[in-house]
Amino acid sequence: MNDYVPRPREPYDALWVIKRDLENIIAKYTDRGDHETAAVYKEALARYNDD
């Protein structure tokens, strides 16, 4: 992906970064109409949201 996201200079929560990136990927595939691929990433995101 070539979207620039400014990164904070302070330490970050790696789990939050993973969730953010998965949500961005899901949004892009959904916008393209590829709901099958988006569903795969939604399953992965669900595993991280079970905390």
PDB file of N, CA and C in Angstrom:
ATOM      1  N   MET A   1       0.832  -1.173   0.000  1.00  0.00           N
ATOM      2  CA  MET A   1       0.000   0.000   0.000  1.00  0.00           C
ATOM      3  C   MET A   1       0.878   1.238   0.000  1.00  0.00           C
ATOM      4  N   ASN A   2       0.433   2.228  -0.654  1.00  0.00           N
ATOM      5  CA  ASN A   2       1.225   3.432  -0.739  1.00  0.00           C
ATOM      6  C   ASN A   2       0.546   4.617  -0.056  1.00  0.00           C
ATOM      7  N   ASP A   3      -0.282   4.342   0.950  1.00  0.00           N
ATOM      8  CA  ASP A   3      -0.899   5.415   1.729  1.00  0.00           C
ATOM      9  C   ASP A   3       0.064   5.822   2.830  1.00  0.00           C
ATOM     10  N   TYR A   4       0.383   7.090   2.873  1.00  0.00           N
ATOM     11  CA  TYR A   4       1.290   7.576   3.904  1.00  0.00           C
ATOM     12  C   TYR A   4       0.493   7.866   5.175  1.00  0.00           C
ATOM     13  N   VAL A   5       0.926   7.277   6.253  1.00  0.00           N
ATOM     14  CA  VAL A   5       0.312   7.535   7.551  1.00  0.00           C
ATOM     15  C   VAL A   5       1.411   8.031   8.468  1.00  0.00           C
ATOM     16  N   PRO A   6       1.282   9.262   8.967  1.00  0.00           N
ATOM     17  CA  PRO A   6       2.323   9.754   9.870  1.00  0.00           C
ATOM     18  C   PRO A   6       2.390   8.897  11.134  1.00  0.00           C
ATOM     19  N   ARG A   7       3.556   8.534  11.508  1.00  0.00           N
ATOM     20  CA  ARG A   7       3.765   7.692  12.680  1.00  0.00           C
ATOM     21  C   ARG A   7       4.176   8.550  13.867  1.00  0.00           C
ATOM     22  N   PRO A   8       3.606   8.296  15.014  1.00  0.00           N
ATOM     23  CA  PRO A   8       4.012   9.058  16.199  1.00  0.00           C
ATOM     24  C   PRO A   8       5.422   8.685  16.619  1.00  0.00           C
ATOM     25  N   ARG A   9       6.107   9.605  17.234  1.00  0.00           N
ATOM     26  CA  ARG A   9       7.464   9.331  17.692  1.00  0.00           C
ATOM     27  C   ARG A   9       7.465   8.588  19.018  1.00  0.00           C
ATOM     28  N   GLU A  10       6.323   8.542  19.685  1.00  0.00           N
ATOM     29  CA  GLU A  10       6.233   7.827  20.958  1.00  0.00           C
ATOM     30  C   GLU A  10       5.971   6.350  20.700  1.00  0.00           C
ATOM     31  N   PRO A  11       6.212   5.497  21.682  1.00  0.00           N
ATOM     32  CA  PRO A  11       5.938   4.068  21.509  1.00  0.00           C
ATOM     33  C   PRO A  11       4.451   3.848  21.204  1.00  0.00           C
ATOM     34  N   TYR A  12       4.161   2.872  20.380  1.00  0.00           N
ATOM     35  CA  TYR A  12       2.779   2.620  19.995  1.00  0.00           C
ATOM     36  C   TYR A  12       2.380   1.208  20.379  1.00  0.00           C
ATOM     37  N   ASP A  13       1.100   1.005  20.420  1.00  0.00           N
ATOM     38  CA  ASP A  13       0.523  -0.293  20.728  1.00  0.00           C
ATOM     39  C   ASP A  13       0.453  -1.103  19.436  1.00  0.00           C
ATOM     40  N   ALA A  14       1.228  -2.165  19.353  1.00  0.00           N
ATOM     41  CA  ALA A  14       1.294  -2.960  18.124  1.00  0.00           C
ATOM     42  C   ALA A  14      -0.062  -3.563  17.775  1.00  0.00           C
ATOM     43  N   LEU A  15      -0.835  -3.951  18.768  1.00  0.00           N
ATOM     44  CA  LEU A  15      -2.152  -4.526  18.509  1.00  0.00           C
ATOM     45  C   LEU A  15      -3.067  -3.500  17.847  1.00  0.00           C
ATOM     46  N   TRP A  16      -2.990  -2.255  18.296  1.00  0.00           N
ATOM     47  CA  TRP A  16      -3.796  -1.190  17.701  1.00  0.00           C
ATOM     48  C   TRP A  16      -3.405  -0.987  16.237  1.00  0.00           C
ATOM     49  N   VAL A  17      -2.131  -1.055  15.952  1.00  0.00           N
ATOM     50  CA  VAL A  17      -1.650  -0.875  14.573  1.00  0.00           C
ATOM     51  C   VAL A  17      -2.168  -2.001  13.683  1.00  0.00           C
ATOM     52  N   ILE A  18      -2.142  -3.227  14.172  1.00  0.00           N
ATOM     53  CA  ILE A  18      -2.637  -4.364  13.392  1.00  0.00           C
ATOM     54  C   ILE A  18      -4.120  -4.190  13.093  1.00  0.00           C
ATOM     55  N   LYS A  19      -4.897  -3.818  14.111  1.00  0.00           N
ATOM     56  CA  LYS A  19      -6.337  -3.620  13.915  1.00  0.00           C
ATOM     57  C   LYS A  19      -6.603  -2.498  12.908  1.00  0.00           C
ATOM     58  N   ARG A  20      -5.873  -1.396  13.032  1.00  0.00           N
ATOM     59  CA  ARG A  20      -6.043  -0.274  12.112  1.00  0.00           C
ATOM     60  C   ARG A  20      -5.755  -0.696  10.678  1.00  0.00           C
ATOM     61  N   ASP A  21      -4.658  -1.421  10.498  1.00  0.00           N
ATOM     62  CA  ASP A  21      -4.277  -1.840   9.147  1.00  0.00           C
ATOM     63  C   ASP A  21      -5.298  -2.813   8.558  1.00  0.00           C
ATOM     64  N   LEU A  22      -5.789  -3.748   9.374  1.00  0.00           N
ATOM     65  CA  LEU A  22      -6.801  -4.684   8.885  1.00  0.00           C
ATOM     66  C   LEU A  22      -8.082  -3.947   8.507  1.00  0.00           C
ATOM     67  N   GLU A  23      -8.473  -2.970   9.301  1.00  0.00           N
ATOM     68  CA  GLU A  23      -9.671  -2.184   8.971  1.00  0.00           C
ATOM     69  C   GLU A  23      -9.488  -1.426   7.662  1.00  0.00           C
ATOM     70  N   ASN A  24      -8.292  -0.897   7.431  1.00  0.00           N
ATOM     71  CA  ASN A  24      -8.017  -0.196   6.165  1.00  0.00           C
ATOM     72  C   ASN A  24      -8.064  -1.152   4.982  1.00  0.00           C
ATOM     73  N   ILE A  25      -7.523  -2.343   5.149  1.00  0.00           N
ATOM     74  CA  ILE A  25      -7.535  -3.346   4.078  1.00  0.00           C
ATOM     75  C   ILE A  25      -8.971  -3.756   3.768  1.00  0.00           C
ATOM     76  N   ILE A  26      -9.768  -3.990   4.819  1.00  0.00           N
ATOM     77  CA  ILE A  26     -11.176  -4.380   4.631  1.00  0.00           C
ATOM     78  C   ILE A  26     -11.920  -3.287   3.869  1.00  0.00           C
ATOM     79  N   ALA A  27     -11.698  -2.039   4.247  1.00  0.00           N
ATOM     80  CA  ALA A  27     -12.379  -0.924   3.582  1.00  0.00           C
ATOM     81  C   ALA A  27     -12.007  -0.862   2.100  1.00  0.00           C
ATOM     82  N   LYS A  28     -10.747  -1.070   1.777  1.00  0.00           N
ATOM     83  CA  LYS A  28     -10.316  -0.998   0.375  1.00  0.00           C
ATOM     84  C   LYS A  28     -10.931  -2.116  -0.459  1.00  0.00           C
ATOM     85  N   TYR A  29     -10.930  -3.349   0.075  1.00  0.00           N
ATOM     86  CA  TYR A  29     -11.527  -4.451  -0.686  1.00  0.00           C
ATOM     87  C   TYR A  29     -13.034  -4.287  -0.812  1.00  0.00           C
ATOM     88  N   THR A  30     -13.678  -3.774   0.226  1.00  0.00           N
ATOM     89  CA  THR A  30     -15.120  -3.546   0.167  1.00  0.00           C
ATOM     90  C   THR A  30     -15.443  -2.487  -0.872  1.00  0.00           C
ATOM     91  N   ASP A  31     -14.654  -1.419  -0.915  1.00  0.00           N
ATOM     92  CA  ASP A  31     -14.863  -0.365  -1.915  1.00  0.00           C
ATOM     93  C   ASP A  31     -14.696  -0.892  -3.335  1.00  0.00           C
ATOM     94  N   ARG A  32     -13.810  -1.846  -3.503  1.00  0.00           N
ATOM     95  CA  ARG A  32     -13.585  -2.432  -4.837  1.00  0.00           C
ATOM     96  C   ARG A  32     -14.655  -3.457  -5.201  1.00  0.00           C
ATOM     97  N   GLY A  33     -15.477  -3.838  -4.217  1.00  0.00           N
ATOM     98  CA  GLY A  33     -16.523  -4.826  -4.470  1.00  0.00           C
ATOM     99  C   GLY A  33     -16.071  -6.256  -4.266  1.00  0.00           C
ATOM    100  N   ASP A  34     -14.895  -6.457  -3.735  1.00  0.00           N
ATOM    101  CA  ASP A  34     -14.370  -7.802  -3.494  1.00  0.00           C
ATOM    102  C   ASP A  34     -14.718  -8.221  -2.063  1.00  0.00           C
ATOM    103  N   HIS A  35     -15.963  -8.675  -1.883  1.00  0.00           N
ATOM    104  CA  HIS A  35     -16.455  -8.989  -0.549  1.00  0.00           C
ATOM    105  C   HIS A  35     -15.899 -10.313  -0.015  1.00  0.00           C
ATOM    106  N   GLU A  36     -15.504 -11.218  -0.902  1.00  0.00           N
ATOM    107  CA  GLU A  36     -14.919 -12.491  -0.455  1.00  0.00           C
ATOM    108  C   GLU A  36     -13.586 -12.254   0.247  1.00  0.00           C
ATOM    109  N   THR A  37     -12.729 -11.456  -0.361  1.00  0.00           N
ATOM    110  CA  THR A  37     -11.431 -11.155   0.230  1.00  0.00           C
ATOM    111  C   THR A  37     -11.613 -10.335   1.503  1.00  0.00           C
ATOM    112  N   ALA A  38     -12.546  -9.401   1.491  1.00  0.00           N
ATOM    113  CA  ALA A  38     -12.817  -8.593   2.678  1.00  0.00           C
ATOM    114  C   ALA A  38     -13.273  -9.489   3.828  1.00  0.00           C
ATOM    115  N   ALA A  39     -14.043 -10.524   3.530  1.00  0.00           N
ATOM    116  CA  ALA A  39     -14.521 -11.442   4.570  1.00  0.00           C
ATOM    117  C   ALA A  39     -13.360 -12.183   5.230  1.00  0.00           C
ATOM    118  N   VAL A  40     -12.351 -12.520   4.453  1.00  0.00           N
ATOM    119  CA  VAL A  40     -11.173 -13.199   5.015  1.00  0.00           C
ATOM    120  C   VAL A  40     -10.488 -12.291   6.028  1.00  0.00           C
ATOM    121  N   TYR A  41     -10.327 -11.017   5.664  1.00  0.00           N
ATOM    122  CA  TYR A  41      -9.682 -10.074   6.573  1.00  0.00           C
ATOM    123  C   TYR A  41     -10.580  -9.757   7.768  1.00  0.00           C
ATOM    124  N   LYS A  42     -11.900  -9.788   7.582  1.00  0.00           N
ATOM    125  CA  LYS A  42     -12.817  -9.574   8.703  1.00  0.00           C
ATOM    126  C   LYS A  42     -12.687 -10.700   9.726  1.00  0.00           C
ATOM    127  N   GLU A  43     -12.481 -11.922   9.250  1.00  0.00           N
ATOM    128  CA  GLU A  43     -12.260 -13.046  10.165  1.00  0.00           C
ATOM    129  C   GLU A  43     -10.983 -12.839  10.966  1.00  0.00           C
ATOM    130  N   ALA A  44      -9.944 -12.376  10.300  1.00  0.00           N
ATOM    131  CA  ALA A  44      -8.684 -12.123  10.997  1.00  0.00           C
ATOM    132  C   ALA A  44      -8.862 -11.015  12.030  1.00  0.00           C
ATOM    133  N   LEU A  45      -9.586  -9.971  11.661  1.00  0.00           N
ATOM    134  CA  LEU A  45      -9.833  -8.867  12.595  1.00  0.00           C
ATOM    135  C   LEU A  45     -10.655  -9.338  13.789  1.00  0.00           C
ATOM    136  N   ALA A  46     -11.582 -10.232  13.561  1.00  0.00           N
ATOM    137  CA  ALA A  46     -12.408 -10.758  14.644  1.00  0.00           C
ATOM    138  C   ALA A  46     -11.543 -11.473  15.683  1.00  0.00           C
ATOM    139  N   ARG A  47     -10.507 -12.136  15.235  1.00  0.00           N
ATOM    140  CA  ARG A  47      -9.586 -12.821  16.178  1.00  0.00           C
ATOM    141  C   ARG A  47      -8.895 -11.814  17.082  1.00  0.00           C
ATOM    142  N   TYR A  48      -8.533 -10.659  16.540  1.00  0.00           N
ATOM    143  CA  TYR A  48      -7.865  -9.639  17.345  1.00  0.00           C
ATOM    144  C   TYR A  48      -8.858  -8.892  18.241  1.00  0.00           C
ATOM    145  N   ASN A  49     -10.118  -8.816  17.853  1.00  0.00           N
ATOM    146  CA  ASN A  49     -11.118  -8.098  18.642  1.00  0.00           C
ATOM    147  C   ASN A  49     -11.685  -8.933  19.782  1.00  0.00           C
ATOM    148  N   ASP A  50     -11.315 -10.199  19.862  1.00  0.00           N
ATOM    149  CA  ASP A  50     -11.826 -11.065  20.921  1.00  0.00           C
ATOM    150  C   ASP A  50     -11.154 -10.828  22.264  1.00  0.00           C
ATOM    151  N   ASP A  51     -10.291  -9.833  22.323  1.00  0.00           N
ATOM    152  CA  ASP A  51      -9.542  -9.581  23.562  1.00  0.00           C
ATOM    153  C   ASP A  51     -10.449  -9.365  24.729  1.00  0.00           C
TER     154      ASP A  51
END
